[in-house]
Amino acid sequence: MAKADIKIRDRNYSVACAPGQEERLVALSRQLDARVQDISRAVGNIGDDRLLLIASLALLDELDASHRAQAAAAGPDIERAAQALNDTATRIEALAARIEAEK
């Protein structure tokens, strides 16, 4: 098991991670630290626990919005694909019926 040394609000943490993921974890921790610092500037010093809670909720909200947007964007594509399959099945059935009728 590998570990990454990260810093959030001037506090150092050593976090276990999969081998090869150390750099990614450090980069993500920098993004989290920046987010926490932004929130701290906006709301004042409300304690690390609350700051991390607010940052976590904000990130989850963004993730949820992204998932919803992807699902909404995929919706029309799925509808079109289903309609295309339906149309193709109808044409195949019509061709099969004509072939049977010609026999």
C-alpha atoms as a PDB file:
ATOM      1  CA  MET A   1       0.000   0.000   0.000  1.00  0.00           C
ATOM      2  CA  ALA A   2       1.379   3.368  -1.001  1.00  0.00           C
ATOM      3  CA  LYS A   3       0.876   6.619   0.860  1.00  0.00           C
ATOM      4  CA  ALA A   4       0.510  10.237  -0.090  1.00  0.00           C
ATOM      5  CA  ASP A   5       1.504  13.127   2.115  1.00  0.00           C
ATOM      6  CA  ILE A   6      -1.062  15.884   1.777  1.00  0.00           C
ATOM      7  CA  LYS A   7      -1.739  19.218   3.459  1.00  0.00           C
ATOM      8  CA  ILE A   8      -5.164  20.693   4.205  1.00  0.00           C
ATOM      9  CA  ARG A   9      -5.362  24.053   6.031  1.00  0.00           C
ATOM     10  CA  ASP A  10      -1.700  23.850   7.012  1.00  0.00           C
ATOM     11  CA  ARG A  11      -2.163  20.420   8.598  1.00  0.00           C
ATOM     12  CA  ASN A  12      -0.199  17.477   7.253  1.00  0.00           C
ATOM     13  CA  TYR A  13      -1.799  14.085   6.681  1.00  0.00           C
ATOM     14  CA  SER A  14      -0.428  10.809   5.446  1.00  0.00           C
ATOM     15  CA  VAL A  15      -3.084   8.962   3.487  1.00  0.00           C
ATOM     16  CA  ALA A  16      -2.926   5.380   2.244  1.00  0.00           C
ATOM     17  CA  CYS A  17      -3.709   4.857  -1.419  1.00  0.00           C
ATOM     18  CA  ALA A  18      -3.232   2.426  -4.271  1.00  0.00           C
ATOM     19  CA  PRO A  19       0.273   2.330  -5.720  1.00  0.00           C
ATOM     20  CA  GLY A  20       0.673   4.903  -8.473  1.00  0.00           C
ATOM     21  CA  GLN A  21      -2.135   7.115  -7.158  1.00  0.00           C
ATOM     22  CA  GLU A  22       0.030   9.285  -4.927  1.00  0.00           C
ATOM     23  CA  GLU A  23       0.374  12.221  -7.341  1.00  0.00           C
ATOM     24  CA  ARG A  24      -3.344  12.232  -8.123  1.00  0.00           C
ATOM     25  CA  LEU A  25      -4.219  12.231  -4.438  1.00  0.00           C
ATOM     26  CA  VAL A  26      -1.841  15.125  -3.788  1.00  0.00           C
ATOM     27  CA  ALA A  27      -3.362  17.078  -6.692  1.00  0.00           C
ATOM     28  CA  LEU A  28      -6.887  16.393  -5.416  1.00  0.00           C
ATOM     29  CA  SER A  29      -5.883  17.457  -1.918  1.00  0.00           C
ATOM     30  CA  ARG A  30      -4.618  20.765  -3.321  1.00  0.00           C
ATOM     31  CA  GLN A  31      -7.990  21.330  -4.967  1.00  0.00           C
ATOM     32  CA  LEU A  32      -9.766  20.497  -1.713  1.00  0.00           C
ATOM     33  CA  ASP A  33      -7.488  22.814   0.239  1.00  0.00           C
ATOM     34  CA  ALA A  34      -8.200  25.649  -2.217  1.00  0.00           C
ATOM     35  CA  ARG A  35     -11.941  25.006  -1.891  1.00  0.00           C
ATOM     36  CA  VAL A  36     -11.744  25.008   1.912  1.00  0.00           C
ATOM     37  CA  GLN A  37      -9.697  28.227   1.854  1.00  0.00           C
ATOM     38  CA  ASP A  38     -12.318  29.887  -0.402  1.00  0.00           C
ATOM     39  CA  ILE A  39     -15.117  28.832   1.933  1.00  0.00           C
ATOM     40  CA  SER A  40     -13.137  30.016   4.950  1.00  0.00           C
ATOM     41  CA  ARG A  41     -12.708  33.449   3.366  1.00  0.00           C
ATOM     42  CA  ALA A  42     -16.444  33.582   2.610  1.00  0.00           C
ATOM     43  CA  VAL A  43     -17.815  32.450   5.973  1.00  0.00           C
ATOM     44  CA  GLY A  44     -14.994  33.143   8.376  1.00  0.00           C
ATOM     45  CA  ASN A  45     -13.240  30.749  10.684  1.00  0.00           C
ATOM     46  CA  ILE A  46     -15.926  28.281  11.719  1.00  0.00           C
ATOM     47  CA  GLY A  47     -13.591  25.397  12.485  1.00  0.00           C
ATOM     48  CA  ASP A  48     -11.957  22.766  10.335  1.00  0.00           C
ATOM     49  CA  ASP A  49     -14.702  20.193  10.809  1.00  0.00           C
ATOM     50  CA  ARG A  50     -17.431  22.521   9.567  1.00  0.00           C
ATOM     51  CA  LEU A  51     -15.292  23.845   6.744  1.00  0.00           C
ATOM     52  CA  LEU A  52     -14.582  20.317   5.523  1.00  0.00           C
ATOM     53  CA  LEU A  53     -18.260  19.425   5.896  1.00  0.00           C
ATOM     54  CA  ILE A  54     -19.331  22.428   3.803  1.00  0.00           C
ATOM     55  CA  ALA A  55     -16.642  21.708   1.198  1.00  0.00           C
ATOM     56  CA  SER A  56     -17.720  18.058   1.024  1.00  0.00           C
ATOM     57  CA  LEU A  57     -21.363  18.989   0.590  1.00  0.00           C
ATOM     58  CA  ALA A  58     -20.489  21.544  -2.097  1.00  0.00           C
ATOM     59  CA  LEU A  59     -18.433  18.976  -4.007  1.00  0.00           C
ATOM     60  CA  LEU A  60     -21.179  16.351  -3.727  1.00  0.00           C
ATOM     61  CA  ASP A  61     -23.696  18.903  -4.961  1.00  0.00           C
ATOM     62  CA  GLU A  62     -21.514  19.591  -8.004  1.00  0.00           C
ATOM     63  CA  LEU A  63     -21.091  15.860  -8.631  1.00  0.00           C
ATOM     64  CA  ASP A  64     -24.847  15.295  -8.398  1.00  0.00           C
ATOM     65  CA  ALA A  65     -25.532  18.194 -10.777  1.00  0.00           C
ATOM     66  CA  SER A  66     -22.994  16.758 -13.207  1.00  0.00           C
ATOM     67  CA  HIS A  67     -24.601  13.302 -13.074  1.00  0.00           C
ATOM     68  CA  ARG A  68     -28.047  14.807 -13.625  1.00  0.00           C
ATOM     69  CA  ALA A  69     -26.782  16.841 -16.574  1.00  0.00           C
ATOM     70  CA  GLN A  70     -25.182  13.764 -18.129  1.00  0.00           C
ATOM     71  CA  ALA A  71     -28.370  11.760 -17.687  1.00  0.00           C
ATOM     72  CA  ALA A  72     -30.446  14.543 -19.219  1.00  0.00           C
ATOM     73  CA  ALA A  73     -28.025  14.876 -22.131  1.00  0.00           C
ATOM     74  CA  ALA A  74     -28.011  11.119 -22.705  1.00  0.00           C
ATOM     75  CA  GLY A  75     -31.805  10.938 -22.601  1.00  0.00           C
ATOM     76  CA  PRO A  76     -32.429  12.156 -26.159  1.00  0.00           C
ATOM     77  CA  ASP A  77     -29.646   9.910 -27.489  1.00  0.00           C
ATOM     78  CA  ILE A  78     -31.165   6.881 -25.811  1.00  0.00           C
ATOM     79  CA  GLU A  79     -34.604   7.781 -27.134  1.00  0.00           C
ATOM     80  CA  ARG A  80     -33.252   8.163 -30.672  1.00  0.00           C
ATOM     81  CA  ALA A  81     -31.374   4.867 -30.435  1.00  0.00           C
ATOM     82  CA  ALA A  82     -34.474   3.067 -29.190  1.00  0.00           C
ATOM     83  CA  GLN A  83     -36.558   4.571 -31.998  1.00  0.00           C
ATOM     84  CA  ALA A  84     -33.937   3.589 -34.589  1.00  0.00           C
ATOM     85  CA  LEU A  85     -33.944   0.005 -33.295  1.00  0.00           C
ATOM     86  CA  ASN A  86     -37.729  -0.051 -33.393  1.00  0.00           C
ATOM     87  CA  ASP A  87     -37.782   1.266 -36.967  1.00  0.00           C
ATOM     88  CA  THR A  88     -35.168  -1.283 -38.014  1.00  0.00           C
ATOM     89  CA  ALA A  89     -37.108  -4.124 -36.406  1.00  0.00           C
ATOM     90  CA  THR A  90     -40.274  -3.009 -38.224  1.00  0.00           C
ATOM     91  CA  ARG A  91     -38.447  -2.957 -41.594  1.00  0.00           C
ATOM     92  CA  ILE A  92     -36.922  -6.390 -40.948  1.00  0.00           C
ATOM     93  CA  GLU A  93     -40.335  -7.812 -40.084  1.00  0.00           C
ATOM     94  CA  ALA A  94     -41.811  -6.299 -43.264  1.00  0.00           C
ATOM     95  CA  LEU A  95     -38.996  -7.782 -45.380  1.00  0.00           C
ATOM     96  CA  ALA A  96     -39.416 -11.169 -43.711  1.00  0.00           C
ATOM     97  CA  ALA A  97     -43.167 -11.052 -44.409  1.00  0.00           C
ATOM     98  CA  ARG A  98     -42.544 -10.233 -48.104  1.00  0.00           C
ATOM     99  CA  ILE A  99     -40.028 -13.063 -48.412  1.00  0.00           C
ATOM    100  CA  GLU A 100     -42.501 -15.485 -46.847  1.00  0.00           C
ATOM    101  CA  ALA A 101     -45.255 -14.247 -49.158  1.00  0.00           C
ATOM    102  CA  GLU A 102     -43.068 -14.825 -52.261  1.00  0.00           C
ATOM    103  CA  LYS A 103     -42.397 -18.471 -51.365  1.00  0.00           C
END
